[in-house]
């Protein structure tokens, strides 16, 4: 899965989590698994900046 696709999937999980939470459908706390899935899907390694080039 590409980093861009993972980012969109994570955003969809967070959006679903917030929507269900604000509408009061907590499902006994199970809705928080969407937040955990969103955190797991975020492409953390791709978000690191590239190292600065060395000057000669």
N, C-alpha and C. Protein backbone atom coordinates (compact mmCIF):
# COMPACT_ATOMS: atom_id res chain seq x y z
N UNK A 1 0.85 -1.16 0.00
CA UNK A 1 0.00 0.00 0.00
C UNK A 1 0.90 1.24 0.00
N UNK A 2 0.61 2.17 -0.86
CA UNK A 2 1.44 3.37 -0.96
C UNK A 2 1.20 4.29 0.24
N UNK A 3 2.16 5.14 0.55
CA UNK A 3 1.96 6.07 1.67
C UNK A 3 0.75 6.98 1.49
N UNK A 4 0.47 7.36 0.26
CA UNK A 4 -0.68 8.23 0.02
C UNK A 4 -1.98 7.49 0.31
N UNK A 5 -2.08 6.25 -0.12
CA UNK A 5 -3.28 5.45 0.16
C UNK A 5 -3.44 5.22 1.65
N UNK A 6 -2.32 4.97 2.34
CA UNK A 6 -2.40 4.79 3.79
C UNK A 6 -2.85 6.06 4.49
N UNK A 7 -2.40 7.21 3.99
CA UNK A 7 -2.81 8.48 4.58
C UNK A 7 -4.31 8.72 4.40
N UNK A 8 -4.83 8.42 3.22
CA UNK A 8 -6.26 8.57 2.98
C UNK A 8 -7.07 7.59 3.83
N UNK A 9 -6.59 6.37 3.99
CA UNK A 9 -7.29 5.39 4.83
C UNK A 9 -7.29 5.83 6.29
N UNK A 10 -6.18 6.39 6.74
CA UNK A 10 -6.11 6.87 8.12
C UNK A 10 -7.06 8.05 8.32
N UNK A 11 -7.12 8.94 7.34
CA UNK A 11 -8.04 10.08 7.44
C UNK A 11 -9.49 9.61 7.46
N UNK A 12 -9.81 8.57 6.68
CA UNK A 12 -11.16 8.03 6.67
C UNK A 12 -11.50 7.41 8.02
N UNK A 13 -10.55 6.73 8.64
CA UNK A 13 -10.78 6.14 9.97
C UNK A 13 -11.02 7.22 11.01
N UNK A 14 -10.21 8.28 10.97
CA UNK A 14 -10.39 9.36 11.93
C UNK A 14 -11.72 10.08 11.72
N UNK A 15 -12.10 10.27 10.45
CA UNK A 15 -13.38 10.94 10.16
C UNK A 15 -14.55 10.09 10.65
N UNK A 16 -14.49 8.79 10.41
CA UNK A 16 -15.56 7.90 10.88
C UNK A 16 -15.61 7.89 12.40
N UNK A 17 -14.44 7.88 13.04
CA UNK A 17 -14.39 7.88 14.50
C UNK A 17 -15.04 9.14 15.07
N UNK A 18 -14.65 10.30 14.53
CA UNK A 18 -15.22 11.55 15.03
C UNK A 18 -16.72 11.64 14.76
N UNK A 19 -17.14 11.20 13.59
CA UNK A 19 -18.56 11.25 13.25
C UNK A 19 -19.37 10.39 14.21
N UNK A 20 -18.96 9.15 14.40
CA UNK A 20 -19.70 8.26 15.30
C UNK A 20 -19.64 8.76 16.74
N UNK A 21 -18.52 9.31 17.13
CA UNK A 21 -18.37 9.79 18.50
C UNK A 21 -19.28 10.99 18.75
N UNK A 22 -19.32 11.93 17.81
CA UNK A 22 -20.14 13.13 18.00
C UNK A 22 -21.63 12.83 17.90
N UNK A 23 -22.00 11.78 17.15
CA UNK A 23 -23.40 11.40 17.07
C UNK A 23 -23.82 10.52 18.24
N UNK A 24 -22.90 10.15 19.09
CA UNK A 24 -23.22 9.40 20.30
C UNK A 24 -23.28 7.90 20.12
N UNK A 25 -22.71 7.37 19.05
CA UNK A 25 -22.70 5.93 18.83
C UNK A 25 -21.35 5.35 19.26
N UNK A 26 -21.15 5.26 20.56
CA UNK A 26 -19.86 4.80 21.07
C UNK A 26 -19.73 3.29 21.03
N UNK A 27 -20.85 2.56 20.95
CA UNK A 27 -20.85 1.09 20.87
C UNK A 27 -20.04 0.48 22.01
N UNK A 28 -20.23 1.01 23.20
CA UNK A 28 -19.53 0.47 24.36
C UNK A 28 -18.04 0.72 24.33
N UNK A 29 -17.61 1.73 23.63
CA UNK A 29 -16.19 2.05 23.55
C UNK A 29 -15.49 1.44 22.35
N UNK A 30 -16.20 0.58 21.60
CA UNK A 30 -15.58 -0.07 20.45
C UNK A 30 -15.26 0.91 19.33
N UNK A 31 -15.93 2.06 19.33
CA UNK A 31 -15.67 3.06 18.29
C UNK A 31 -14.23 3.57 18.36
N UNK A 32 -13.62 3.46 19.51
CA UNK A 32 -12.24 3.93 19.66
C UNK A 32 -11.25 3.04 18.92
N UNK A 33 -11.69 1.87 18.48
CA UNK A 33 -10.82 1.03 17.65
C UNK A 33 -10.56 1.70 16.30
N UNK A 34 -11.51 2.54 15.85
CA UNK A 34 -11.27 3.28 14.61
C UNK A 34 -10.12 4.26 14.77
N UNK A 35 -10.04 4.90 15.93
CA UNK A 35 -8.92 5.81 16.18
C UNK A 35 -7.60 5.04 16.21
N UNK A 36 -7.62 3.88 16.83
CA UNK A 36 -6.40 3.06 16.87
C UNK A 36 -6.01 2.60 15.47
N UNK A 37 -7.00 2.23 14.66
CA UNK A 37 -6.70 1.82 13.28
C UNK A 37 -6.15 2.99 12.49
N UNK A 38 -6.69 4.18 12.73
CA UNK A 38 -6.17 5.36 12.04
C UNK A 38 -4.73 5.63 12.39
N UNK A 39 -4.38 5.48 13.66
CA UNK A 39 -2.99 5.69 14.07
C UNK A 39 -2.07 4.62 13.48
N UNK A 40 -2.59 3.40 13.37
CA UNK A 40 -1.77 2.32 12.80
C UNK A 40 -1.54 2.52 11.31
N UNK A 41 -2.49 3.17 10.64
CA UNK A 41 -2.38 3.33 9.18
C UNK A 41 -1.55 4.53 8.75
N UNK A 42 -1.32 5.48 9.64
CA UNK A 42 -0.56 6.68 9.26
C UNK A 42 0.84 6.26 8.82
N UNK A 43 1.27 6.72 7.64
CA UNK A 43 2.61 6.35 7.15
C UNK A 43 3.70 7.15 7.87
N UNK A 44 4.05 6.72 9.08
CA UNK A 44 4.99 7.47 9.91
C UNK A 44 6.36 7.57 9.27
N UNK A 45 6.83 6.51 8.65
CA UNK A 45 8.18 6.55 8.06
C UNK A 45 8.25 7.48 6.86
N UNK A 46 7.17 7.58 6.11
CA UNK A 46 7.16 8.45 4.93
C UNK A 46 7.09 9.92 5.32
N UNK A 47 6.68 10.20 6.55
CA UNK A 47 6.54 11.60 6.96
C UNK A 47 7.87 12.20 7.42
N UNK A 48 8.88 11.39 7.57
CA UNK A 48 10.20 11.92 7.97
C UNK A 48 10.79 12.71 6.82
N UNK A 49 11.44 13.78 7.17
CA UNK A 49 12.06 14.60 6.12
C UNK A 49 13.36 13.96 5.67
N UNK A 50 13.71 14.26 4.46
CA UNK A 50 14.96 13.74 3.91
C UNK A 50 16.14 14.43 4.59
N UNK A 51 17.23 13.71 4.75
CA UNK A 51 18.41 14.34 5.37
C UNK A 51 18.95 15.46 4.50
N UNK A 52 19.52 16.44 5.15
CA UNK A 52 20.07 17.58 4.43
C UNK A 52 21.28 17.13 3.60
N UNK A 53 21.39 17.64 2.39
CA UNK A 53 22.55 17.26 1.57
C UNK A 53 23.85 17.82 2.15
N UNK A 54 24.88 17.03 2.01
CA UNK A 54 26.18 17.48 2.52
C UNK A 54 26.81 18.43 1.51
N UNK A 55 27.44 19.46 2.03
CA UNK A 55 28.12 20.41 1.15
C UNK A 55 29.56 19.95 0.93
N UNK A 56 30.05 20.13 -0.28
CA UNK A 56 31.44 19.68 -0.55
C UNK A 56 32.48 20.54 0.08
